[in-house]
């Protein structure tokens, strides 16, 4: 079974459309009689003057709203067998006489709608007997009536409106019947799609991986580009002596390539979205600095530390081309210091533990692939803290694995001795902290103070929630005004309430936390 018309166009909103002819038994077997059905309730099969028609029975709110009709025809073949076939037919639900001057628009564009019938159905020229509606379907919303935005012109068969919002605008024109009431003769226009043009530009590789004579791809594929608009590319800034230009990488202009030809300086590339309805383009720029000669900078911004601090150094304040190598050197330490640099596997970072008071100097040397070098010396100082280390009076780890409501109690006594005891009730006059395993969630523990007597967390938030396996710095204030600082690391167990303290240390800081390391 085959349809002679594979597509069906509905040109009138309420007008019936004759059903397409079909063949039974293959091409050339002739037109056969059969029974039709459609996907109700939006579509119905009607019969007028002995002919069957397809009719849309739903309520159209815009040109694209009616779903395609699914027609099923059943007939008897030449051999007497019953055959049937279902075919989805396209429904282009518009009236060609209702024209919009634009298919796509930008926010703020003026759209003109013209009805080109010549002679109205009631025998009168002009459109005085018709009502006009303006419907807007936003990108993510339901169709709304915007008829108050539809304005008249000098011609009765013409209206215009300003497309203020992103979405699809459709105009509907209904001719009044002879009795003064709205009749069924309506026209629905094509939709004009309003787009907000956006230019987004990314480039690759990353700036630190760019080399001379290697292409850099600029990509505007993530932009919103209305039909008819074009993307133009321009190099608006280049180093002295450079003649680099943009070369298109695709036929539609969304991708372009720049190849750096000068080893030092900054390149700026501008994407320009040229819109037919606007005199000025929408632009977006991206820049990168191409570096060939390395420039070593300070290895840290933090230059003042306490004795015992672990100080980290990195390349964040330096510039260098890809393929460079790095060398950290501890060039000066206080007399008697045994401090050493610990270098990362890739050579980009280093760590130093300041073991004595005094000055330290770290030299960074960067060498590029051509052998050019740059060095910088960074000086840091370490001071002895007036804080007194607490004496750990417990054997670690301290394990609480009974899974009940008990806690690990952390005490600080008058002789600055630090103790952790498992399976304890949350009471005790000298108790500093109560540690309870993952009451607020797995891989965490809650830390509570003793409500200010004698200790209180400096920044309490209903009991601090700590992460397992991470060193935490906890600051406490005693009721006599003295401050303490603890370092706690723990692991959670298998049940709620379980916790294991794996590391515990601290300082008595005196009357100010600023004295704590």
Protein backbone atom coordinates (compact mmCIF):
# COMPACT_ATOMS: atom_id res chain seq x y z
CA UNK A 1 0.00 0.00 0.00
CA UNK A 2 1.44 3.38 -0.95
CA UNK A 3 0.27 7.00 -0.65
CA UNK A 4 0.41 9.12 -3.77
CA UNK A 5 1.01 12.29 -1.67
CA UNK A 6 3.64 11.76 1.03
CA UNK A 7 3.07 15.21 2.58
CA UNK A 8 -0.04 17.19 3.41
CA UNK A 9 -0.23 20.96 3.87
CA UNK A 10 -2.99 22.62 5.88
CA UNK A 11 -3.33 26.15 4.50
CA UNK A 12 -6.41 27.21 6.46
CA UNK A 13 -6.83 26.93 10.19
CA UNK A 14 -10.30 25.40 10.20
CA UNK A 15 -10.71 24.32 6.60
CA UNK A 16 -10.92 20.60 5.79
CA UNK A 17 -8.30 19.08 3.49
CA UNK A 18 -9.05 16.25 1.03
CA UNK A 19 -7.38 12.99 1.92
CA UNK A 20 -4.53 11.84 -0.31
CA UNK A 21 -5.04 9.01 -2.74
CA UNK A 22 -3.39 5.67 -2.15
CA UNK A 23 -2.59 2.48 -4.03
CA UNK A 24 -3.25 -1.10 -2.98
CA UNK A 25 -0.98 -3.87 -4.21
CA UNK A 26 1.85 -1.64 -5.39
CA UNK A 27 2.25 1.06 -8.04
CA UNK A 28 0.04 0.72 -11.11
CA UNK A 29 -2.67 -1.32 -9.42
CA UNK A 30 -5.10 1.59 -9.39
CA UNK A 31 -6.87 3.66 -6.75
CA UNK A 32 -8.84 1.57 -4.29
CA UNK A 33 -11.56 2.42 -1.80
CA UNK A 34 -10.68 2.18 1.87
CA UNK A 35 -11.60 3.45 5.31
CA UNK A 36 -9.56 6.22 6.97
CA UNK A 37 -8.87 7.03 10.62
CA UNK A 38 -6.78 9.76 12.28
CA UNK A 39 -5.23 10.41 15.70
CA UNK A 40 -8.14 11.98 17.55
CA UNK A 41 -9.07 14.28 19.25
CA UNK A 42 -6.79 16.79 17.49
CA UNK A 43 -7.52 15.33 14.05
CA UNK A 44 -10.82 14.00 12.72
CA UNK A 45 -12.08 12.50 9.46
CA UNK A 46 -15.22 14.23 8.17
CA UNK A 47 -17.41 13.66 5.13
CA UNK A 48 -18.89 16.45 3.00
CA UNK A 49 -20.81 15.93 -0.25
CA UNK A 50 -19.71 12.32 -0.40
CA UNK A 51 -16.02 13.16 -0.01
CA UNK A 52 -13.81 12.48 3.02
CA UNK A 53 -11.59 15.18 4.48
CA UNK A 54 -9.02 15.58 7.23
CA UNK A 55 -9.73 18.39 9.68
CA UNK A 56 -7.80 19.85 12.61
CA UNK A 57 -10.07 19.90 15.67
CA UNK A 58 -7.61 21.28 18.24
CA UNK A 59 -6.87 24.90 19.17
CA UNK A 60 -3.87 26.31 17.31
CA UNK A 61 -1.80 28.86 19.25
CA UNK A 62 1.07 29.20 16.83
CA UNK A 63 2.15 27.89 13.47
CA UNK A 64 4.09 24.94 14.86
CA UNK A 65 1.63 23.86 17.53
CA UNK A 66 -0.57 21.27 15.73
CA UNK A 67 1.00 17.85 15.95
CA UNK A 68 1.42 16.00 12.69
CA UNK A 69 -1.57 13.96 11.64
CA UNK A 70 -1.24 10.20 11.65
CA UNK A 71 -3.54 8.68 9.01
CA UNK A 72 -4.40 5.02 8.85
CA UNK A 73 -6.07 3.55 5.75
CA UNK A 74 -7.48 0.03 5.53
CA UNK A 75 -8.50 -1.61 2.25
CA UNK A 76 -9.04 -4.98 0.61
CA UNK A 77 -6.34 -6.07 -1.81
CA UNK A 78 -6.80 -7.69 -5.23
CA UNK A 79 -6.40 -11.12 -3.65
CA UNK A 80 -9.14 -10.41 -1.09
CA UNK A 81 -6.83 -9.89 1.90
CA UNK A 82 -7.27 -6.95 4.26
CA UNK A 83 -4.35 -4.50 4.27
CA UNK A 84 -3.70 -1.33 6.26
CA UNK A 85 -0.98 1.29 6.53
CA UNK A 86 -0.31 4.21 8.87
CA UNK A 87 1.42 7.32 7.62
CA UNK A 88 2.47 10.45 9.52
CA UNK A 89 1.72 13.51 7.41
CA UNK A 90 3.43 16.87 7.89
CA UNK A 91 1.10 19.65 8.98
CA UNK A 92 2.21 23.12 7.93
CA UNK A 93 -0.59 25.00 9.60
CA UNK A 94 -0.46 28.52 8.17
CA UNK A 95 -2.25 30.81 5.75
CA UNK A 96 0.13 31.99 2.99
CA UNK A 97 -1.83 35.23 2.54
CA UNK A 98 -0.75 36.44 6.01
CA UNK A 99 2.86 37.56 5.57
CA UNK A 100 5.56 38.65 8.01
CA UNK A 101 8.38 40.82 6.68
CA UNK A 102 11.00 38.80 8.62
CA UNK A 103 11.51 35.13 9.40
CA UNK A 104 14.09 35.85 12.10
CA UNK A 105 14.46 38.98 14.20
CA UNK A 106 16.51 40.53 16.99
CA UNK A 107 15.05 42.00 20.18
CA UNK A 108 13.82 45.49 19.33
CA UNK A 109 13.14 44.83 15.64
CA UNK A 110 9.92 46.19 14.16
CA UNK A 111 7.90 43.42 12.49
CA UNK A 112 5.26 44.20 9.84
CA UNK A 113 2.37 41.81 9.13
CA UNK A 114 0.36 42.12 5.91
CA UNK A 115 -2.83 40.31 4.86
CA UNK A 116 -2.73 39.95 1.05
CA UNK A 117 -6.19 38.59 0.17
CA UNK A 118 -7.18 41.40 -2.21
CA UNK A 119 -10.90 40.76 -1.60
CA UNK A 120 -12.20 39.74 1.79
CA UNK A 121 -14.45 36.68 2.08
CA UNK A 122 -17.46 38.84 2.91
CA UNK A 123 -17.21 40.61 -0.45
CA UNK A 124 -15.77 43.83 1.02
CA UNK A 125 -12.24 44.99 0.32
CA UNK A 126 -10.14 46.01 3.29
CA UNK A 127 -9.77 44.40 6.69
CA UNK A 128 -12.18 46.43 8.81
CA UNK A 129 -14.22 43.36 9.68
CA UNK A 130 -11.35 41.28 11.07
CA UNK A 131 -9.74 40.90 14.48
CA UNK A 132 -5.99 40.48 14.93
CA UNK A 133 -4.11 38.64 17.66
CA UNK A 134 -0.40 38.51 18.53
CA UNK A 135 0.80 35.31 20.23
CA UNK A 136 4.23 34.79 21.84
CA UNK A 137 5.73 31.42 22.72
CA UNK A 138 8.86 32.00 24.87
CA UNK A 139 11.78 29.60 24.64
CA UNK A 140 10.85 27.80 27.84
CA UNK A 141 7.27 28.85 28.43
CA UNK A 142 3.64 28.59 27.39
CA UNK A 143 2.09 30.68 24.61
CA UNK A 144 0.81 34.05 25.88
CA UNK A 145 -1.38 36.72 24.31
CA UNK A 146 0.52 39.88 23.32
CA UNK A 147 -2.27 41.44 21.24
CA UNK A 148 -1.94 44.78 23.05
CA UNK A 149 1.50 45.14 21.42
CA UNK A 150 0.02 44.78 17.92
CA UNK A 151 -0.41 48.27 16.42
CA UNK A 152 -2.31 49.52 13.37
CA UNK A 153 -0.86 51.27 10.32
CA UNK A 154 -2.38 53.38 7.57
CA UNK A 155 -3.50 50.19 5.84
CA UNK A 156 -6.41 48.21 7.34
CA UNK A 157 -4.76 45.00 6.14
CA UNK A 158 -1.48 45.68 7.94
CA UNK A 159 -0.26 45.59 11.53
CA UNK A 160 3.15 45.96 13.16
CA UNK A 161 4.77 45.21 16.52
CA UNK A 162 8.15 45.48 18.22
CA UNK A 163 9.64 42.08 19.04
CA UNK A 164 10.78 42.76 22.61
CA UNK A 165 11.23 39.20 23.89
CA UNK A 166 13.16 36.13 22.79
CA UNK A 167 10.82 33.44 21.44
CA UNK A 168 8.41 32.86 18.54
CA UNK A 169 5.77 35.44 17.56
CA UNK A 170 2.71 34.38 15.53
CA UNK A 171 -0.09 36.60 14.20
CA UNK A 172 -3.66 35.32 13.94
CA UNK A 173 -6.35 37.09 11.90
CA UNK A 174 -10.02 36.17 12.25
CA UNK A 175 -12.69 37.57 9.92
CA UNK A 176 -16.01 38.42 11.51
CA UNK A 177 -19.09 36.56 10.23
CA UNK A 178 -22.10 38.15 8.64
CA UNK A 179 -24.04 38.13 11.92
CA UNK A 180 -21.39 40.20 13.64
CA UNK A 181 -19.87 37.33 15.57
CA UNK A 182 -16.45 35.87 14.95
CA UNK A 183 -16.69 33.22 12.30
CA UNK A 184 -14.50 30.27 11.53
CA UNK A 185 -12.48 31.92 8.74
CA UNK A 186 -9.12 32.48 10.45
CA UNK A 187 -5.59 32.89 9.17
CA UNK A 188 -2.46 31.96 11.12
CA UNK A 189 0.91 33.36 10.06
CA UNK A 190 4.30 31.73 10.01
CA UNK A 191 6.26 32.30 13.23
CA UNK A 192 8.99 34.92 13.40
CA UNK A 193 11.77 33.67 15.67
CA UNK A 194 13.42 36.30 17.87
CA UNK A 195 17.00 35.45 18.86
CA UNK A 196 19.32 37.22 21.28
CA UNK A 197 22.68 37.17 19.47
CA UNK A 198 25.56 36.09 21.71
CA UNK A 199 29.25 35.82 20.85
CA UNK A 200 31.34 33.36 22.86
CA UNK A 201 34.96 32.76 21.90
CA UNK A 202 37.38 30.19 23.30
CA UNK A 203 40.86 29.34 22.11
CA UNK A 204 43.24 26.41 22.38
CA UNK A 205 45.82 25.38 23.38
CA UNK A 206 46.14 27.03 26.81
CA UNK A 207 48.29 30.18 26.91
CA UNK A 208 51.16 28.42 28.67
CA UNK A 209 51.27 25.77 25.92
CA UNK A 210 51.36 28.15 22.94
CA UNK A 211 54.54 28.12 20.84
CA UNK A 212 55.73 30.25 17.93
CA UNK A 213 54.74 28.97 14.48
CA UNK A 214 52.16 26.65 16.06
CA UNK A 215 48.47 27.39 15.20
CA UNK A 216 46.09 28.73 17.84
CA UNK A 217 42.44 27.85 17.18
CA UNK A 218 39.74 30.43 18.01
CA UNK A 219 36.26 28.94 18.18
CA UNK A 220 32.91 30.79 18.25
CA UNK A 221 30.77 27.66 17.84
CA UNK A 222 29.12 28.30 21.20
CA UNK A 223 27.62 31.58 19.96
CA UNK A 224 23.99 32.31 19.07
CA UNK A 225 24.12 33.49 15.47
CA UNK A 226 20.83 34.44 13.73
CA UNK A 227 20.33 33.40 10.09
CA UNK A 228 21.85 35.94 7.75
CA UNK A 229 24.45 37.05 10.28
CA UNK A 230 28.16 36.45 9.76
CA UNK A 231 31.20 36.09 12.01
CA UNK A 232 34.22 38.11 10.96
CA UNK A 233 37.64 37.78 12.59
CA UNK A 234 40.33 40.41 13.11
CA UNK A 235 43.68 40.68 14.88
CA UNK A 236 43.31 43.97 16.77
CA UNK A 237 46.64 43.80 18.60
CA UNK A 238 49.90 42.08 17.71
CA UNK A 239 53.54 42.38 18.78
CA UNK A 240 55.84 44.75 16.91
CA UNK A 241 57.06 43.10 13.74
CA UNK A 242 54.21 40.59 13.56
CA UNK A 243 52.13 40.17 10.40
CA UNK A 244 49.96 37.31 11.69
CA UNK A 245 46.40 37.24 10.31
CA UNK A 246 43.33 35.13 10.93
CA UNK A 247 42.69 32.17 8.61
CA UNK A 248 39.22 30.61 8.52
CA UNK A 249 39.08 26.99 9.66
CA UNK A 250 35.54 26.25 8.40
CA UNK A 251 33.23 27.41 5.62
CA UNK A 252 30.77 29.19 7.93
CA UNK A 253 33.38 31.30 9.71
CA UNK A 254 32.81 30.15 13.28
CA UNK A 255 36.39 28.90 13.62
CA UNK A 256 39.62 30.66 12.69
CA UNK A 257 43.33 30.13 13.24
CA UNK A 258 46.11 32.52 14.23
CA UNK A 259 49.75 31.45 14.02
CA UNK A 260 52.10 33.54 16.22
CA UNK A 261 55.10 34.73 14.22
CA UNK A 262 56.89 36.91 16.80
CA UNK A 263 58.31 35.37 19.95
CA UNK A 264 57.49 38.16 22.43
CA UNK A 265 54.29 40.11 22.98
CA UNK A 266 50.51 40.01 23.17
CA UNK A 267 48.04 38.98 20.47
CA UNK A 268 44.39 40.07 20.67
CA UNK A 269 41.79 38.47 18.40
CA UNK A 270 38.30 39.92 17.98
CA UNK A 271 35.23 38.05 16.74
CA UNK A 272 32.67 40.37 15.13
CA UNK A 273 29.07 39.23 14.69
CA UNK A 274 27.76 41.20 11.70
CA UNK A 275 23.95 41.55 11.80
CA UNK A 276 22.00 42.64 8.69
CA UNK A 277 19.56 44.76 10.71
CA UNK A 278 22.14 46.58 12.85
CA UNK A 279 24.93 48.92 11.78
CA UNK A 280 27.35 47.98 14.56
CA UNK A 281 28.64 44.44 15.14
CA UNK A 282 28.61 42.56 18.44
CA UNK A 283 32.22 41.89 19.39
CA UNK A 284 34.11 39.62 21.75
CA UNK A 285 37.90 39.60 22.21
CA UNK A 286 40.41 37.09 23.53
CA UNK A 287 44.10 37.72 24.19
CA UNK A 288 47.18 35.71 24.96
CA UNK A 289 50.78 36.67 25.62
CA UNK A 290 53.33 34.60 23.80
CA UNK A 291 56.48 34.21 25.90
CA UNK A 292 59.80 32.83 24.68
CA UNK A 293 62.32 34.20 27.20
CA UNK A 294 61.64 32.95 30.76
CA UNK A 295 61.12 35.46 33.57
CA UNK A 296 61.53 34.02 37.07
CA UNK A 297 59.52 35.71 39.81
CA UNK A 298 59.02 35.35 43.58
CA UNK A 299 58.28 31.79 44.63
CA UNK A 300 55.84 32.88 47.36
CA UNK A 301 53.93 35.94 48.57
CA UNK A 302 54.07 34.82 52.23
CA UNK A 303 57.46 35.89 53.59
CA UNK A 304 56.87 35.89 57.38
CA UNK A 305 56.49 32.59 59.20
CA UNK A 306 56.81 30.84 62.55
CA UNK A 307 59.51 28.33 63.33
CA UNK A 308 58.08 24.93 62.45
CA UNK A 309 55.92 26.24 59.59
CA UNK A 310 55.88 24.34 56.31
CA UNK A 311 56.42 26.88 53.52
CA UNK A 312 55.37 26.11 49.92
CA UNK A 313 56.98 27.57 46.78
CA UNK A 314 55.61 27.57 43.21
CA UNK A 315 55.82 29.16 39.74
CA UNK A 316 52.63 31.24 39.90
CA UNK A 317 54.51 34.56 39.75
CA UNK A 318 56.83 33.54 36.90
CA UNK A 319 56.38 33.37 33.10
CA UNK A 320 58.00 30.87 30.81
CA UNK A 321 57.43 29.03 27.50
CA UNK A 322 56.50 25.38 27.28
CA UNK A 323 59.45 23.03 27.41
CA UNK A 324 61.19 24.99 30.18
CA UNK A 325 62.96 23.37 33.13
CA UNK A 326 63.03 24.58 36.74
CA UNK A 327 65.52 24.47 39.61
CA UNK A 328 64.94 25.44 43.26
CA UNK A 329 68.02 26.09 45.44
CA UNK A 330 68.13 26.84 49.18
CA UNK A 331 70.86 29.49 49.01
CA UNK A 332 70.82 30.73 52.63
CA UNK A 333 69.64 29.41 56.03
CA UNK A 334 70.12 30.50 59.67
CA UNK A 335 73.29 29.24 61.34
CA UNK A 336 72.72 25.76 62.72
CA UNK A 337 69.67 25.04 60.55
CA UNK A 338 69.24 21.62 59.00
CA UNK A 339 66.40 22.72 56.70
CA UNK A 340 66.21 21.18 53.24
CA UNK A 341 64.02 21.74 50.19
CA UNK A 342 61.69 18.95 49.14
CA UNK A 343 61.10 19.20 45.36
CA UNK A 344 57.99 17.87 43.60
CA UNK A 345 58.37 15.12 40.99
CA UNK A 346 57.83 17.51 38.06
CA UNK A 347 60.14 20.15 39.53
CA UNK A 348 57.49 22.89 39.61
CA UNK A 349 56.98 23.10 43.40
CA UNK A 350 59.09 22.93 46.56
CA UNK A 351 58.50 22.75 50.32
CA UNK A 352 60.66 23.98 53.20
CA UNK A 353 60.17 23.43 56.95
CA UNK A 354 61.63 26.41 58.84
CA UNK A 355 63.43 24.69 61.72
CA UNK A 356 65.13 27.73 63.24
CA UNK A 357 64.49 31.45 63.66
CA UNK A 358 66.17 33.66 61.09
CA UNK A 359 66.32 34.28 57.37
CA UNK A 360 66.04 31.80 54.51
CA UNK A 361 66.68 32.42 50.81
CA UNK A 362 65.26 30.31 47.97
CA UNK A 363 66.54 30.80 44.43
CA UNK A 364 64.43 29.81 41.41
CA UNK A 365 66.13 29.33 38.04
CA UNK A 366 64.10 28.78 34.84
CA UNK A 367 65.74 27.60 31.62
CA UNK A 368 63.94 27.50 28.26
CA UNK A 369 64.51 25.03 25.43
CA UNK A 370 67.09 27.35 23.81
CA UNK A 371 69.17 27.48 27.01
CA UNK A 372 68.17 31.00 28.07
CA UNK A 373 67.88 31.35 31.86
CA UNK A 374 66.28 33.64 34.42
CA UNK A 375 66.72 33.56 38.20
CA UNK A 376 65.04 35.16 41.21
CA UNK A 377 65.87 34.96 44.93
CA UNK A 378 63.02 35.09 47.46
CA UNK A 379 63.75 35.81 51.13
CA UNK A 380 61.59 34.60 54.02
CA UNK A 381 61.96 34.93 57.79
CA UNK A 382 60.92 32.64 60.63
CA UNK A 383 60.35 33.72 64.23
CA UNK A 384 60.11 31.76 67.43
CA UNK A 385 56.60 31.72 68.77
CA UNK A 386 55.96 32.55 72.41
CA UNK A 387 53.41 29.74 72.37
CA UNK A 388 54.21 26.76 74.60
CA UNK A 389 53.82 23.30 73.02
CA UNK A 390 51.35 21.06 74.86
CA UNK A 391 52.63 17.75 76.17
CA UNK A 392 50.77 14.79 74.66
CA UNK A 393 49.82 12.52 77.54
CA UNK A 394 48.07 9.82 75.48
CA UNK A 395 49.23 7.02 73.22
CA UNK A 396 47.98 7.36 69.66
CA UNK A 397 45.87 6.18 67.99
CA UNK A 398 42.95 6.62 70.37
CA UNK A 399 40.13 4.33 69.19
CA UNK A 400 36.43 4.60 70.05
CA UNK A 401 34.71 1.71 68.21
CA UNK A 402 31.83 0.68 70.47
CA UNK A 403 29.27 2.37 68.21
CA UNK A 404 27.27 3.82 71.11
CA UNK A 405 26.66 7.37 72.24
CA UNK A 406 30.03 7.80 73.95
CA UNK A 407 32.67 10.23 72.70
CA UNK A 408 36.40 10.78 72.62
CA UNK A 409 37.20 13.37 75.29
CA UNK A 410 40.14 15.73 74.69
CA UNK A 411 41.46 17.36 77.89
CA UNK A 412 43.96 20.12 78.63
CA UNK A 413 44.99 20.26 82.27
CA UNK A 414 46.65 23.05 84.23
CA UNK A 415 50.13 21.76 83.38
CA UNK A 416 49.45 22.01 79.62
CA UNK A 417 49.14 18.27 79.24
CA UNK A 418 46.99 17.11 76.31
CA UNK A 419 44.99 13.92 76.73
CA UNK A 420 42.57 12.00 74.46
CA UNK A 421 40.40 9.28 76.06
CA UNK A 422 37.92 7.02 74.22
CA UNK A 423 34.45 5.79 75.25
CA UNK A 424 33.75 8.68 77.63
CA UNK A 425 30.54 10.53 78.49
CA UNK A 426 30.42 14.12 77.33
CA UNK A 427 31.06 15.56 80.82
CA UNK A 428 34.03 16.64 82.89
CA UNK A 429 35.13 19.94 84.48
CA UNK A 430 38.48 20.02 82.67
CA UNK A 431 37.23 18.72 79.34
CA UNK A 432 38.12 20.85 76.32
CA UNK A 433 36.42 18.98 73.46
CA UNK A 434 34.09 16.08 72.70
CA UNK A 435 34.67 14.26 69.38
CA UNK A 436 31.76 12.14 68.07
CA UNK A 437 32.09 10.12 64.84
CA UNK A 438 29.88 10.96 61.81
CA UNK A 439 26.69 12.04 63.51
CA UNK A 440 26.30 14.61 60.71
CA UNK A 441 27.25 12.19 57.95
CA UNK A 442 29.76 9.56 56.97
CA UNK A 443 33.43 10.55 56.71
CA UNK A 444 32.94 13.34 59.24
CA UNK A 445 32.77 13.91 62.98
CA UNK A 446 31.20 16.52 65.22
CA UNK A 447 33.40 18.47 67.61
CA UNK A 448 31.80 20.14 70.64
CA UNK A 449 33.24 22.34 73.38
CA UNK A 450 32.28 22.37 77.05
CA UNK A 451 29.89 25.31 76.68
CA UNK A 452 32.43 27.87 77.79
CA UNK A 453 33.34 26.33 81.15
CA UNK A 454 36.22 25.96 81.11
CA UNK A 455 36.79 25.90 77.29
CA UNK A 456 34.93 27.33 74.30
CA UNK A 457 35.54 27.09 70.55
CA UNK A 458 36.63 30.47 69.22
CA UNK A 459 34.28 30.16 66.20
CA UNK A 460 31.54 27.73 67.26
CA UNK A 461 28.83 26.81 64.76
CA UNK A 462 26.67 24.33 66.68
CA UNK A 463 29.65 22.04 66.94
CA UNK A 464 32.28 22.02 64.21
CA UNK A 465 31.83 19.35 61.52
CA UNK A 466 35.26 17.99 60.59
CA UNK A 467 36.35 15.91 57.61
CA UNK A 468 38.03 12.58 58.18
CA UNK A 469 41.69 12.09 57.28
CA UNK A 470 42.47 15.83 57.23
CA UNK A 471 44.52 17.82 59.73
CA UNK A 472 42.29 20.39 61.44
CA UNK A 473 43.41 23.44 63.41
CA UNK A 474 41.08 24.10 66.37
CA UNK A 475 41.26 27.30 68.43
CA UNK A 476 39.96 27.42 72.02
CA UNK A 477 39.58 30.08 74.69
CA UNK A 478 39.67 29.20 78.38
CA UNK A 479 37.44 30.99 80.85
CA UNK A 480 40.51 32.74 82.29
CA UNK A 481 41.19 34.39 78.89
CA UNK A 482 43.99 32.09 77.76
CA UNK A 483 44.03 30.75 74.19
CA UNK A 484 44.96 27.29 72.95
CA UNK A 485 45.44 25.92 69.46
CA UNK A 486 45.10 22.23 68.67
CA UNK A 487 45.86 20.16 65.58
CA UNK A 488 43.59 17.11 65.27
CA UNK A 489 43.43 14.35 62.66
CA UNK A 490 40.92 11.50 62.93
CA UNK A 491 39.30 8.66 61.01
CA UNK A 492 35.70 7.48 61.28
CA UNK A 493 34.70 3.88 61.99
CA UNK A 494 32.01 1.51 60.76
CA UNK A 495 29.18 2.75 62.98
CA UNK A 496 27.77 6.06 64.10
CA UNK A 497 29.79 7.30 67.04
CA UNK A 498 33.00 5.52 66.04
CA UNK A 499 36.14 7.62 65.64
CA UNK A 500 39.90 7.19 65.89
CA UNK A 501 42.22 10.09 66.71
CA UNK A 502 45.39 9.47 64.69
CA UNK A 503 47.26 12.74 65.34
CA UNK A 504 46.96 15.27 68.17
CA UNK A 505 49.16 18.22 69.16
CA UNK A 506 48.75 21.78 70.30
CA UNK A 507 50.02 25.01 71.81
CA UNK A 508 49.27 27.23 74.77
CA UNK A 509 49.12 30.65 73.09
CA UNK A 510 48.76 32.97 76.08
CA UNK A 511 46.54 36.01 75.83
CA UNK A 512 46.45 36.24 72.02
CA UNK A 513 45.98 33.81 69.15
CA UNK A 514 48.49 35.85 67.15
CA UNK A 515 51.23 34.21 69.20
CA UNK A 516 50.22 30.76 67.95
CA UNK A 517 52.27 29.29 65.10
